[in-house]
Amino acid sequence: MSNSSGGFFAILLDLLASIFGGKKPSTSAPGPQVPPDSADEPAQSTIVKVLLLVYDPVVDESGQKLSQAMNWKRVEDLVIGFCADINEASAGMARYEIVQRLDLDEFPAKTDGFAYTADAYMDVLRGNTPPHQPDGVDYGAVLARFDILQRVAKGEIDEVWVFAFPHAGFYESVMGGAGAFWCNAPPLRNTASCSRRFIVMGFSYERGVGEMLESFGHRAESHMAKVFEGLSGEANLWDKFIRYDQANPGQAEVGNVHFAPNSERDYDWGNPRWVLSFCDDWFNFPDFQGVVKQVNAGEWGGGDIRAHHKWWLNHFPRVAGRKNGVHHNWWQYVMDPNKVK
């Protein structure tokens, strides 16, 4: 029976081939469709709705919170500064909107169920006891408690920011949702039921806006590497963007989060060494003109972490058009992981 059916199918294919000019119809699934190139498709701005969680527990009988007791930063100031920097660096193409803030008088549980008490945590800060291991926070408990998967799926929020303290156990950034990929950390487990991808940013009120931009920068690196992973050679503009002199002598472009165009090691943003860089040619994107100049740390703030990261982000393309399926406005990919295919 199977041989007879197979013979009939072969005859049918031959007949169809004769009708369609000698080509047998393909039985394989069609590949992903790449949209045609466009020189004038408008660059779209992105507004991201944020749920803000602040873990700032009371640590003494007077009711003083941890951030106050340690004279660390005010979350309000950090949020305002960071949002302003992103808006400025993107020339208004990217904007955050805090839709809800929850202040939490507690220490979040670790993956093994352990949670610090105020006294135990202060002993860690004083160096009397080592930090608890494993350090990682129980993301599943956080997601469940605040209905994050459901709220993201409904479009009530787009991402989550967590402000906490040293040894809280949060990644700088991590992605969840259906199709989640590496975002400076492995994708969140058991979140594929959420139809939309989302980011959880882990910030510390012990640190400053510069460190917030560092975390955001690594997120941007992860997203853009994913955007261009299917392209090679000169078509991979992300590989071009992140070139620095030590790795590509005489061909430095803008560099990456850790390496400025002239850096010789990680975090070397204050290096006075002069190198040639095509960094300013990115302001001509996508019509590069070959603009090159000598640069050193004076170009990006003389070693200041916040100044360098703003300078770096300001070079991200944000113009109209699309080529090889990639929009010329990179900010939409950085801000919205659902735009990354």
Protein backbone atom coordinates (compact mmCIF):
# COMPACT_ATOMS: atom_id res chain seq x y z
CA MET A 1 0.00 0.00 0.00
CA SER A 2 2.80 2.45 0.91
CA ASN A 3 4.66 1.77 -2.38
CA SER A 4 1.52 2.47 -4.40
CA SER A 5 0.87 5.73 -2.54
CA GLY A 6 4.48 6.80 -2.98
CA GLY A 7 4.32 6.12 -6.73
CA PHE A 8 1.15 8.12 -7.10
CA PHE A 9 2.69 11.05 -5.18
CA ALA A 10 5.78 10.99 -7.42
CA ILE A 11 3.60 11.05 -10.55
CA LEU A 12 1.64 13.98 -9.11
CA LEU A 13 4.84 15.91 -8.38
CA ASP A 14 6.06 15.31 -11.95
CA LEU A 15 2.75 16.58 -13.31
CA LEU A 16 2.90 19.73 -11.18
CA ALA A 17 6.52 20.23 -12.21
CA SER A 18 5.57 20.19 -15.88
CA ILE A 19 2.86 22.78 -15.23
CA PHE A 20 5.17 25.07 -13.29
CA GLY A 21 8.06 25.12 -15.73
CA GLY A 22 9.96 22.05 -14.66
CA LYS A 23 10.33 22.99 -10.98
CA LYS A 24 8.82 20.73 -8.37
CA PRO A 25 6.94 22.61 -5.66
CA SER A 26 8.88 22.84 -2.43
CA THR A 27 7.66 20.76 0.48
CA SER A 28 9.86 22.58 3.03
CA ALA A 29 8.59 25.32 5.33
CA PRO A 30 9.31 28.85 4.14
CA GLY A 31 12.13 30.68 5.92
CA PRO A 32 11.71 33.92 7.84
CA GLN A 33 10.79 36.83 5.63
CA VAL A 34 13.20 39.79 5.72
CA PRO A 35 11.41 43.07 5.04
CA PRO A 36 12.75 45.01 2.05
CA ASP A 37 15.31 47.75 2.55
CA SER A 38 13.92 51.22 3.07
CA ALA A 39 15.67 54.59 3.07
CA ASP A 40 12.84 56.57 4.62
CA GLU A 41 10.88 54.34 6.99
CA PRO A 42 10.34 56.65 9.99
CA ALA A 43 12.29 56.08 13.18
CA GLN A 44 9.82 55.28 15.94
CA SER A 45 10.20 56.48 19.50
CA THR A 46 9.63 54.05 22.37
CA ILE A 47 7.95 54.61 25.73
CA VAL A 48 8.50 51.88 28.31
CA LYS A 49 6.19 51.48 31.31
CA VAL A 50 8.06 50.50 34.46
CA LEU A 51 7.08 48.81 37.72
CA LEU A 52 9.52 50.10 40.36
CA LEU A 53 10.25 47.86 43.36
CA VAL A 54 12.35 49.35 46.16
CA TYR A 55 13.72 46.99 48.81
CA ASP A 56 14.77 49.36 51.58
CA PRO A 57 14.09 47.69 54.93
CA VAL A 58 14.03 49.35 58.33
CA VAL A 59 17.23 48.45 60.19
CA ASP A 60 16.94 50.06 63.63
CA GLU A 61 14.39 50.82 66.33
CA SER A 62 14.09 54.46 65.27
CA GLY A 63 12.54 53.35 61.98
CA GLN A 64 15.54 54.35 59.89
CA LYS A 65 15.76 52.62 56.54
CA LEU A 66 18.91 50.92 55.28
CA SER A 67 19.62 53.59 52.65
CA GLN A 68 19.37 56.29 55.32
CA ALA A 69 21.45 54.43 57.88
CA MET A 70 24.24 53.94 55.35
CA ASN A 71 23.88 57.41 53.82
CA TRP A 72 23.39 55.86 50.38
CA LYS A 73 21.62 57.45 47.40
CA ARG A 74 17.97 58.47 47.24
CA VAL A 75 16.08 56.30 44.77
CA GLU A 76 14.14 59.34 43.55
CA ASP A 77 17.34 61.11 42.52
CA LEU A 78 18.71 58.02 40.78
CA VAL A 79 15.52 57.46 38.80
CA ILE A 80 15.27 61.09 37.71
CA GLY A 81 18.93 61.23 36.66
CA PHE A 82 18.86 57.94 34.77
CA CYS A 83 15.63 58.69 32.91
CA ALA A 84 16.98 62.10 31.92
CA ASP A 85 20.22 60.58 30.63
CA ILE A 86 18.41 57.99 28.51
CA ASN A 87 16.12 60.63 27.05
CA GLU A 88 19.09 62.90 26.29
CA ALA A 89 21.35 60.19 24.83
CA SER A 90 18.55 58.96 22.56
CA ALA A 91 17.56 62.50 21.51
CA GLY A 92 14.05 61.80 22.75
CA MET A 93 13.67 58.45 20.96
CA ALA A 94 13.56 56.51 24.26
CA ARG A 95 11.58 57.38 27.36
CA TYR A 96 10.69 55.63 30.58
CA GLU A 97 7.43 56.07 32.47
CA ILE A 98 7.21 54.87 36.08
CA VAL A 99 3.63 53.60 36.37
CA GLN A 100 3.88 52.24 39.92
CA ARG A 101 6.34 52.31 42.81
CA LEU A 102 6.23 49.81 45.68
CA ASP A 103 8.40 50.40 48.76
CA LEU A 104 9.19 47.14 50.52
CA ASP A 105 10.29 46.91 54.15
CA GLU A 106 11.98 43.54 53.75
CA PHE A 107 14.94 41.54 52.51
CA PRO A 108 14.03 39.39 49.48
CA ALA A 109 14.46 35.63 49.79
CA LYS A 110 17.38 33.83 48.17
CA THR A 111 17.01 30.78 45.94
CA ASP A 112 17.36 28.49 48.98
CA GLY A 113 14.69 30.38 50.94
CA PHE A 114 17.10 32.31 53.18
CA ALA A 115 16.29 35.96 53.91
CA TYR A 116 18.48 38.33 55.92
CA THR A 117 17.25 39.93 59.10
CA ALA A 118 18.30 43.52 59.73
CA ASP A 119 20.89 42.47 62.33
CA ALA A 120 22.30 39.69 60.14
CA TYR A 121 22.65 41.97 57.16
CA MET A 122 24.32 44.75 59.16
CA ASP A 123 26.82 42.17 60.42
CA VAL A 124 27.68 41.43 56.79
CA LEU A 125 28.24 45.12 56.05
CA ARG A 126 30.44 45.45 59.15
CA GLY A 127 32.53 42.48 58.01
CA ASN A 128 31.58 40.35 61.01
CA THR A 129 30.04 37.59 58.87
CA PRO A 130 30.40 36.66 55.19
CA PRO A 131 27.51 37.22 52.75
CA HIS A 132 25.07 34.35 52.46
CA GLN A 133 25.61 31.77 49.72
CA PRO A 134 23.97 31.13 47.33
CA ASP A 135 23.66 34.85 46.70
CA GLY A 136 21.05 34.75 43.92
CA VAL A 137 17.57 36.05 44.66
CA ASP A 138 14.44 33.95 44.12
CA TYR A 139 13.15 35.62 40.95
CA GLY A 140 10.22 33.24 40.77
CA ALA A 141 8.93 34.45 44.14
CA VAL A 142 9.27 38.10 43.10
CA LEU A 143 7.49 37.53 39.78
CA ALA A 144 4.66 35.62 41.44
CA ARG A 145 4.13 38.01 44.33
CA PHE A 146 3.69 41.04 42.11
CA ASP A 147 1.82 39.28 39.26
CA ILE A 148 4.53 40.42 36.87
CA LEU A 149 3.94 37.84 34.13
CA GLN A 150 0.24 38.66 34.02
CA ARG A 151 0.79 42.41 34.11
CA VAL A 152 3.35 42.27 31.31
CA ALA A 153 1.09 40.07 29.18
CA LYS A 154 -1.77 42.55 29.62
CA GLY A 155 0.46 45.51 28.69
CA GLU A 156 0.06 47.17 32.10
CA ILE A 157 3.85 47.23 32.45
CA ASP A 158 6.74 46.59 30.05
CA GLU A 159 9.62 46.01 32.46
CA VAL A 160 10.59 45.96 36.12
CA TRP A 161 13.24 47.93 37.99
CA VAL A 162 14.41 46.63 41.34
CA PHE A 163 16.38 48.89 43.65
CA ALA A 164 18.17 47.04 46.41
CA PHE A 165 21.45 46.82 48.29
CA PRO A 166 24.79 44.98 48.04
CA HIS A 167 24.37 41.18 48.21
CA ALA A 168 20.66 41.38 47.36
CA GLY A 169 21.27 38.85 44.57
CA PHE A 170 19.72 40.59 41.54
CA TYR A 171 21.35 40.52 38.10
CA GLU A 172 22.13 43.85 36.45
CA SER A 173 19.61 42.82 33.81
CA VAL A 174 17.76 39.64 32.96
CA MET A 175 15.01 38.77 30.47
CA GLY A 176 11.85 36.73 30.82
CA GLY A 177 8.87 35.84 28.64
CA ALA A 178 8.34 33.70 25.56
CA GLY A 179 11.51 33.60 23.46
CA ALA A 180 13.64 35.29 26.12
CA PHE A 181 17.37 35.34 25.30
CA TRP A 182 20.63 36.17 27.04
CA CYS A 183 20.52 39.70 28.46
CA ASN A 184 23.76 39.91 30.46
CA ALA A 185 22.31 36.90 32.31
CA PRO A 186 20.58 33.61 31.42
CA PRO A 187 16.86 33.93 30.60
CA LEU A 188 14.46 33.65 33.54
CA ARG A 189 13.10 30.14 33.93
CA ASN A 190 9.41 29.28 33.89
CA THR A 191 8.33 32.54 32.27
CA ALA A 192 7.50 31.34 28.75
CA SER A 193 3.77 31.50 29.60
CA CYS A 194 4.07 35.28 29.27
CA SER A 195 3.50 36.15 25.62
CA ARG A 196 5.72 39.24 25.76
CA ARG A 197 9.41 39.47 26.60
CA PHE A 198 10.35 41.76 29.48
CA ILE A 199 13.45 42.93 31.33
CA VAL A 200 14.10 43.03 35.06
CA MET A 201 16.79 45.61 35.83
CA GLY A 202 18.68 45.25 39.11
CA PHE A 203 19.93 48.59 40.43
CA SER A 204 21.62 49.50 43.71
CA TYR A 205 21.03 52.67 45.71
CA GLU A 206 24.54 52.22 47.08
CA ARG A 207 25.80 53.24 43.62
CA GLY A 208 25.14 56.13 41.24
CA VAL A 209 23.55 56.91 37.90
CA GLY A 210 26.79 55.95 36.14
CA GLU A 211 26.46 52.38 37.39
CA MET A 212 22.80 52.33 36.29
CA LEU A 213 23.95 53.31 32.80
CA GLU A 214 26.57 50.55 32.98
CA SER A 215 23.85 47.97 33.62
CA PHE A 216 21.75 49.45 30.83
CA GLY A 217 24.76 49.44 28.51
CA HIS A 218 25.32 45.72 28.98
CA ARG A 219 21.66 45.16 28.25
CA ALA A 220 22.09 47.18 25.04
CA GLU A 221 25.11 45.06 24.08
CA SER A 222 23.09 41.86 24.53
CA HIS A 223 20.16 43.13 22.49
CA MET A 224 22.22 44.48 19.61
CA ALA A 225 24.39 41.37 19.40
CA LYS A 226 21.18 39.38 19.03
CA VAL A 227 19.81 41.79 16.38
CA PHE A 228 22.90 41.34 14.19
CA GLU A 229 23.72 37.70 14.93
CA GLY A 230 22.55 36.55 11.49
CA LEU A 231 24.72 39.05 9.61
CA SER A 232 28.45 38.85 8.95
CA GLY A 233 31.25 40.93 7.53
CA GLU A 234 30.49 44.58 6.78
CA ALA A 235 26.76 43.87 7.14
CA ASN A 236 27.24 43.32 10.87
CA LEU A 237 27.24 46.95 11.91
CA TRP A 238 27.24 46.08 15.59
CA ASP A 239 30.65 44.43 15.27
CA LYS A 240 31.81 47.61 13.54
CA PHE A 241 30.34 49.90 16.21
CA ILE A 242 32.13 48.20 19.13
CA ARG A 243 35.65 48.19 17.65
CA TYR A 244 38.38 49.69 19.84
CA ASP A 245 42.03 50.28 19.08
CA GLN A 246 43.58 47.57 21.20
CA ALA A 247 41.54 44.87 19.44
CA ASN A 248 41.44 46.61 16.04
CA PRO A 249 44.57 48.77 15.69
CA GLY A 250 43.92 51.89 13.63
CA GLN A 251 40.24 50.95 13.15
CA ALA A 252 38.64 52.07 16.42
CA GLU A 253 35.00 53.12 16.22
CA VAL A 254 32.93 53.77 19.39
CA GLY A 255 34.02 50.82 21.53
CA ASN A 256 31.89 48.99 24.06
CA VAL A 257 30.72 49.60 27.63
CA HIS A 258 34.01 48.55 29.21
CA PHE A 259 36.40 49.65 26.46
CA ALA A 260 36.47 53.20 25.08
CA PRO A 261 38.21 53.61 21.69
CA ASN A 262 41.63 53.94 23.38
CA SER A 263 41.17 51.66 26.41
CA GLU A 264 43.86 49.13 27.21
CA ARG A 265 41.92 47.22 29.90
CA ASP A 266 38.41 46.94 31.35
CA TYR A 267 36.93 50.19 32.75
CA ASP A 268 39.85 52.16 31.34
CA TRP A 269 37.78 55.26 30.54
CA GLY A 270 40.40 57.75 31.74
CA ASN A 271 43.27 56.73 29.46
CA PRO A 272 45.09 59.81 28.02
CA ARG A 273 46.51 57.81 25.09
CA TRP A 274 45.61 59.24 21.67
CA VAL A 275 44.23 56.93 18.98
CA LEU A 276 42.46 57.31 15.66
CA SER A 277 38.71 56.70 15.85
CA PHE A 278 35.77 56.78 13.46
CA CYS A 279 33.40 57.51 16.36
CA ASP A 280 32.03 60.76 14.90
CA ASP A 281 31.24 59.09 11.60
CA TRP A 282 28.36 57.35 13.37
CA PHE A 283 26.57 60.69 13.39
CA ASN A 284 26.47 60.28 9.58
CA PHE A 285 24.86 56.83 9.82
CA PRO A 286 23.91 55.11 7.57
CA ASP A 287 25.87 57.15 5.00
CA PHE A 288 29.35 56.86 6.46
CA GLN A 289 31.78 59.50 5.19
CA GLY A 290 35.02 58.07 6.56
CA VAL A 291 35.31 60.81 9.21
CA VAL A 292 38.22 59.99 11.51
CA LYS A 293 39.99 61.91 14.24
CA GLN A 294 42.40 61.56 17.15
CA VAL A 295 40.63 60.94 20.49
CA ASN A 296 41.50 60.29 24.10
CA ALA A 297 39.65 60.30 27.42
CA GLY A 298 38.90 64.01 27.12
CA GLU A 299 36.37 63.08 24.43
CA TRP A 300 34.13 61.16 26.87
CA GLY A 301 34.57 62.82 30.25
CA GLY A 302 38.12 62.12 31.38
CA GLY A 303 37.32 58.86 33.16
CA ASP A 304 33.89 59.63 34.61
CA ILE A 305 31.71 56.52 34.30
CA ARG A 306 28.46 58.41 33.73
CA ALA A 307 29.97 60.74 31.14
CA HIS A 308 31.51 57.88 29.16
CA HIS A 309 28.33 55.83 29.07
CA LYS A 310 26.24 58.81 27.96
CA TRP A 311 28.80 59.52 25.22
CA TRP A 312 28.70 55.89 24.12
CA LEU A 313 24.90 55.68 24.04
CA ASN A 314 24.64 58.99 22.21
CA HIS A 315 26.34 57.36 19.22
CA PHE A 316 23.62 54.73 18.77
CA PRO A 317 21.87 55.28 15.42
CA ARG A 318 18.37 56.76 15.70
CA VAL A 319 17.44 57.73 12.15
CA ALA A 320 14.94 56.66 9.50
CA GLY A 321 15.42 53.64 7.28
CA ARG A 322 16.06 49.91 7.35
CA LYS A 323 18.64 47.61 5.79
CA ASN A 324 19.05 43.82 5.88
CA GLY A 325 15.92 43.69 8.02
CA VAL A 326 17.45 45.94 10.71
CA HIS A 327 15.98 49.35 11.47
CA HIS A 328 18.35 52.32 11.50
CA ASN A 329 16.91 53.34 14.83
CA TRP A 330 18.68 51.01 17.25
CA TRP A 331 16.93 52.46 20.29
CA GLN A 332 13.75 50.53 19.63
CA TYR A 333 15.70 47.28 19.99
CA VAL A 334 17.50 48.40 23.14
CA MET A 335 14.30 49.52 24.82
CA ASP A 336 11.92 46.79 23.66
CA PRO A 337 13.17 43.17 23.54
CA ASN A 338 10.00 42.23 21.63
CA LYS A 339 11.38 44.14 18.63
CA VAL A 340 14.42 41.87 18.54
CA LYS A 341 13.76 38.98 16.15
